[in-house]
Amino acid sequence: MITARRGRFGVAALIVVGVAIYIVFSRVYGGDKQAIMEGFQDLFAKMGIWAMPAYILVHTITLALCLPYAVFFEAGAALLFGFFRGVLCVFSAKILGASLSFWLGR
């Protein structure tokens, strides 16, 4: 019972963080999609080697929670990392997301 409460709290916390990130980027860039994409590219450039693991983590969570905007993460991977590294990120996130979804459902 305690584990179920922790899981629900974790999911709620991730949703709140995701919405907060979206609101911040919307206010900073004024809803301009090109500017938002450039902002994400700058953010990932600053993150250096940690950009790909961070992307995989966020995309894994969106896949595991069956959020409808997971498709945009897949399209954005090629734009952020290039085609081959983007495919590697999406494939890894899909495997991890399916495993996490199975684990949460169990």
C-alpha atoms as a PDB file:
ATOM      1  CA  MET A   1       0.000   0.000   0.000  1.00  0.00           C
ATOM      2  CA  ILE A   2       2.843   2.380   0.793  1.00  0.00           C
ATOM      3  CA  THR A   3       4.523   1.523  -2.524  1.00  0.00           C
ATOM      4  CA  ALA A   4       1.351   2.373  -4.444  1.00  0.00           C
ATOM      5  CA  ARG A   5       1.180   5.764  -2.756  1.00  0.00           C
ATOM      6  CA  ARG A   6       4.814   6.475  -3.625  1.00  0.00           C
ATOM      7  CA  GLY A   7       4.179   5.506  -7.240  1.00  0.00           C
ATOM      8  CA  ARG A   8       1.170   7.789  -7.515  1.00  0.00           C
ATOM      9  CA  PHE A   9       3.058  10.636  -5.878  1.00  0.00           C
ATOM     10  CA  GLY A  10       5.981  10.145  -8.256  1.00  0.00           C
ATOM     11  CA  VAL A  11       3.714  10.201 -11.300  1.00  0.00           C
ATOM     12  CA  ALA A  12       1.959  13.328 -10.074  1.00  0.00           C
ATOM     13  CA  ALA A  13       5.305  15.011  -9.384  1.00  0.00           C
ATOM     14  CA  LEU A  14       6.558  14.217 -12.900  1.00  0.00           C
ATOM     15  CA  ILE A  15       3.405  15.621 -14.470  1.00  0.00           C
ATOM     16  CA  VAL A  16       3.732  18.829 -12.451  1.00  0.00           C
ATOM     17  CA  VAL A  17       7.397  19.190 -13.479  1.00  0.00           C
ATOM     18  CA  GLY A  18       6.517  18.605 -17.145  1.00  0.00           C
ATOM     19  CA  VAL A  19       3.768  21.215 -17.091  1.00  0.00           C
ATOM     20  CA  ALA A  20       6.083  23.676 -15.325  1.00  0.00           C
ATOM     21  CA  ILE A  21       8.760  23.213 -17.998  1.00  0.00           C
ATOM     22  CA  TYR A  22       6.182  23.739 -20.732  1.00  0.00           C
ATOM     23  CA  ILE A  23       4.890  26.937 -19.083  1.00  0.00           C
ATOM     24  CA  VAL A  24       8.398  28.337 -18.633  1.00  0.00           C
ATOM     25  CA  PHE A  25       9.357  27.687 -22.258  1.00  0.00           C
ATOM     26  CA  SER A  26       6.048  29.116 -23.476  1.00  0.00           C
ATOM     27  CA  ARG A  27       6.521  32.327 -21.511  1.00  0.00           C
ATOM     28  CA  VAL A  28      10.168  32.749 -22.429  1.00  0.00           C
ATOM     29  CA  TYR A  29       9.709  32.117 -26.153  1.00  0.00           C
ATOM     30  CA  GLY A  30       6.142  33.364 -26.549  1.00  0.00           C
ATOM     31  CA  GLY A  31       4.786  30.184 -28.140  1.00  0.00           C
ATOM     32  CA  ASP A  32       7.087  30.462 -31.185  1.00  0.00           C
ATOM     33  CA  LYS A  33       7.834  26.839 -32.083  1.00  0.00           C
ATOM     34  CA  GLN A  34      11.080  27.613 -33.875  1.00  0.00           C
ATOM     35  CA  ALA A  35      12.347  29.615 -30.915  1.00  0.00           C
ATOM     36  CA  ILE A  36      11.315  26.846 -28.516  1.00  0.00           C
ATOM     37  CA  MET A  37      13.212  24.287 -30.619  1.00  0.00           C
ATOM     38  CA  GLU A  38      16.307  26.507 -30.629  1.00  0.00           C
ATOM     39  CA  GLY A  39      15.937  26.883 -26.856  1.00  0.00           C
ATOM     40  CA  PHE A  40      15.902  23.108 -26.431  1.00  0.00           C
ATOM     41  CA  GLN A  41      18.949  22.785 -28.706  1.00  0.00           C
ATOM     42  CA  ASP A  42      20.784  25.358 -26.591  1.00  0.00           C
ATOM     43  CA  LEU A  43      19.746  23.550 -23.418  1.00  0.00           C
ATOM     44  CA  PHE A  44      20.969  20.206 -24.748  1.00  0.00           C
ATOM     45  CA  ALA A  45      24.210  21.809 -25.951  1.00  0.00           C
ATOM     46  CA  LYS A  46      24.821  23.126 -22.418  1.00  0.00           C
ATOM     47  CA  MET A  47      24.084  19.710 -20.913  1.00  0.00           C
ATOM     48  CA  GLY A  48      26.852  18.137 -22.989  1.00  0.00           C
ATOM     49  CA  ILE A  49      27.151  14.396 -22.559  1.00  0.00           C
ATOM     50  CA  TRP A  50      24.133  14.290 -20.205  1.00  0.00           C
ATOM     51  CA  ALA A  51      21.713  15.468 -22.891  1.00  0.00           C
ATOM     52  CA  MET A  52      21.020  12.031 -24.349  1.00  0.00           C
ATOM     53  CA  PRO A  53      20.409  10.276 -20.986  1.00  0.00           C
ATOM     54  CA  ALA A  54      18.144  13.154 -19.910  1.00  0.00           C
ATOM     55  CA  TYR A  55      16.198  12.913 -23.165  1.00  0.00           C
ATOM     56  CA  ILE A  56      15.858   9.135 -22.790  1.00  0.00           C
ATOM     57  CA  LEU A  57      14.633   9.532 -19.204  1.00  0.00           C
ATOM     58  CA  VAL A  58      11.971  12.099 -20.081  1.00  0.00           C
ATOM     59  CA  HIS A  59      10.826  10.181 -23.170  1.00  0.00           C
ATOM     60  CA  THR A  60      10.690   6.926 -21.192  1.00  0.00           C
ATOM     61  CA  ILE A  61       8.381   8.550 -18.657  1.00  0.00           C
ATOM     62  CA  THR A  62       6.081   9.937 -21.352  1.00  0.00           C
ATOM     63  CA  LEU A  63       5.866   6.522 -22.984  1.00  0.00           C
ATOM     64  CA  ALA A  64       5.258   4.679 -19.725  1.00  0.00           C
ATOM     65  CA  LEU A  65       2.461   7.062 -18.756  1.00  0.00           C
ATOM     66  CA  CYS A  66       0.912   6.874 -22.257  1.00  0.00           C
ATOM     67  CA  LEU A  67       0.906  10.634 -22.641  1.00  0.00           C
ATOM     68  CA  PRO A  68      -0.315  11.777 -26.063  1.00  0.00           C
ATOM     69  CA  TYR A  69       2.627  14.051 -26.825  1.00  0.00           C
ATOM     70  CA  ALA A  70       5.196  11.234 -26.809  1.00  0.00           C
ATOM     71  CA  VAL A  71       5.096  11.314 -30.628  1.00  0.00           C
ATOM     72  CA  PHE A  72       6.637  14.784 -30.611  1.00  0.00           C
ATOM     73  CA  PHE A  73       9.570  13.496 -28.584  1.00  0.00           C
ATOM     74  CA  GLU A  74      10.266  10.935 -31.301  1.00  0.00           C
ATOM     75  CA  ALA A  75      10.240  13.552 -34.040  1.00  0.00           C
ATOM     76  CA  GLY A  76      12.330  15.904 -31.947  1.00  0.00           C
ATOM     77  CA  ALA A  77      15.089  13.360 -31.336  1.00  0.00           C
ATOM     78  CA  ALA A  78      16.305  13.532 -34.923  1.00  0.00           C
ATOM     79  CA  LEU A  79      16.240  17.320 -34.816  1.00  0.00           C
ATOM     80  CA  LEU A  80      18.156  17.504 -31.549  1.00  0.00           C
ATOM     81  CA  PHE A  81      20.714  14.723 -31.942  1.00  0.00           C
ATOM     82  CA  GLY A  82      20.818  13.836 -35.629  1.00  0.00           C
ATOM     83  CA  PHE A  83      19.254  10.817 -37.298  1.00  0.00           C
ATOM     84  CA  PHE A  84      21.322   7.896 -36.007  1.00  0.00           C
ATOM     85  CA  ARG A  85      21.748   9.129 -32.453  1.00  0.00           C
ATOM     86  CA  GLY A  86      18.056  10.095 -32.445  1.00  0.00           C
ATOM     87  CA  VAL A  87      17.058   6.576 -33.501  1.00  0.00           C
ATOM     88  CA  LEU A  88      19.262   5.164 -30.731  1.00  0.00           C
ATOM     89  CA  CYS A  89      17.619   7.458 -28.146  1.00  0.00           C
ATOM     90  CA  VAL A  90      14.085   6.655 -29.287  1.00  0.00           C
ATOM     91  CA  PHE A  91      14.756   2.911 -29.413  1.00  0.00           C
ATOM     92  CA  SER A  92      16.258   2.941 -25.914  1.00  0.00           C
ATOM     93  CA  ALA A  93      13.395   5.007 -24.547  1.00  0.00           C
ATOM     94  CA  LYS A  94      10.803   2.704 -26.114  1.00  0.00           C
ATOM     95  CA  ILE A  95      12.385  -0.383 -24.547  1.00  0.00           C
ATOM     96  CA  LEU A  96      12.661   1.285 -21.149  1.00  0.00           C
ATOM     97  CA  GLY A  97       9.177   2.811 -21.417  1.00  0.00           C
ATOM     98  CA  ALA A  98       7.598  -0.536 -22.222  1.00  0.00           C
ATOM     99  CA  SER A  99       9.417  -2.138 -19.307  1.00  0.00           C
ATOM    100  CA  LEU A 100       8.388   0.636 -16.926  1.00  0.00           C
ATOM    101  CA  SER A 101       4.796   0.517 -18.133  1.00  0.00           C
ATOM    102  CA  PHE A 102       4.697  -3.236 -17.566  1.00  0.00           C
ATOM    103  CA  TRP A 103       6.225  -2.811 -14.113  1.00  0.00           C
ATOM    104  CA  LEU A 104       3.722  -0.084 -13.155  1.00  0.00           C
ATOM    105  CA  GLY A 105       0.815  -2.165 -14.429  1.00  0.00           C
ATOM    106  CA  ARG A 106       1.921  -5.201 -12.543  1.00  0.00           C
END
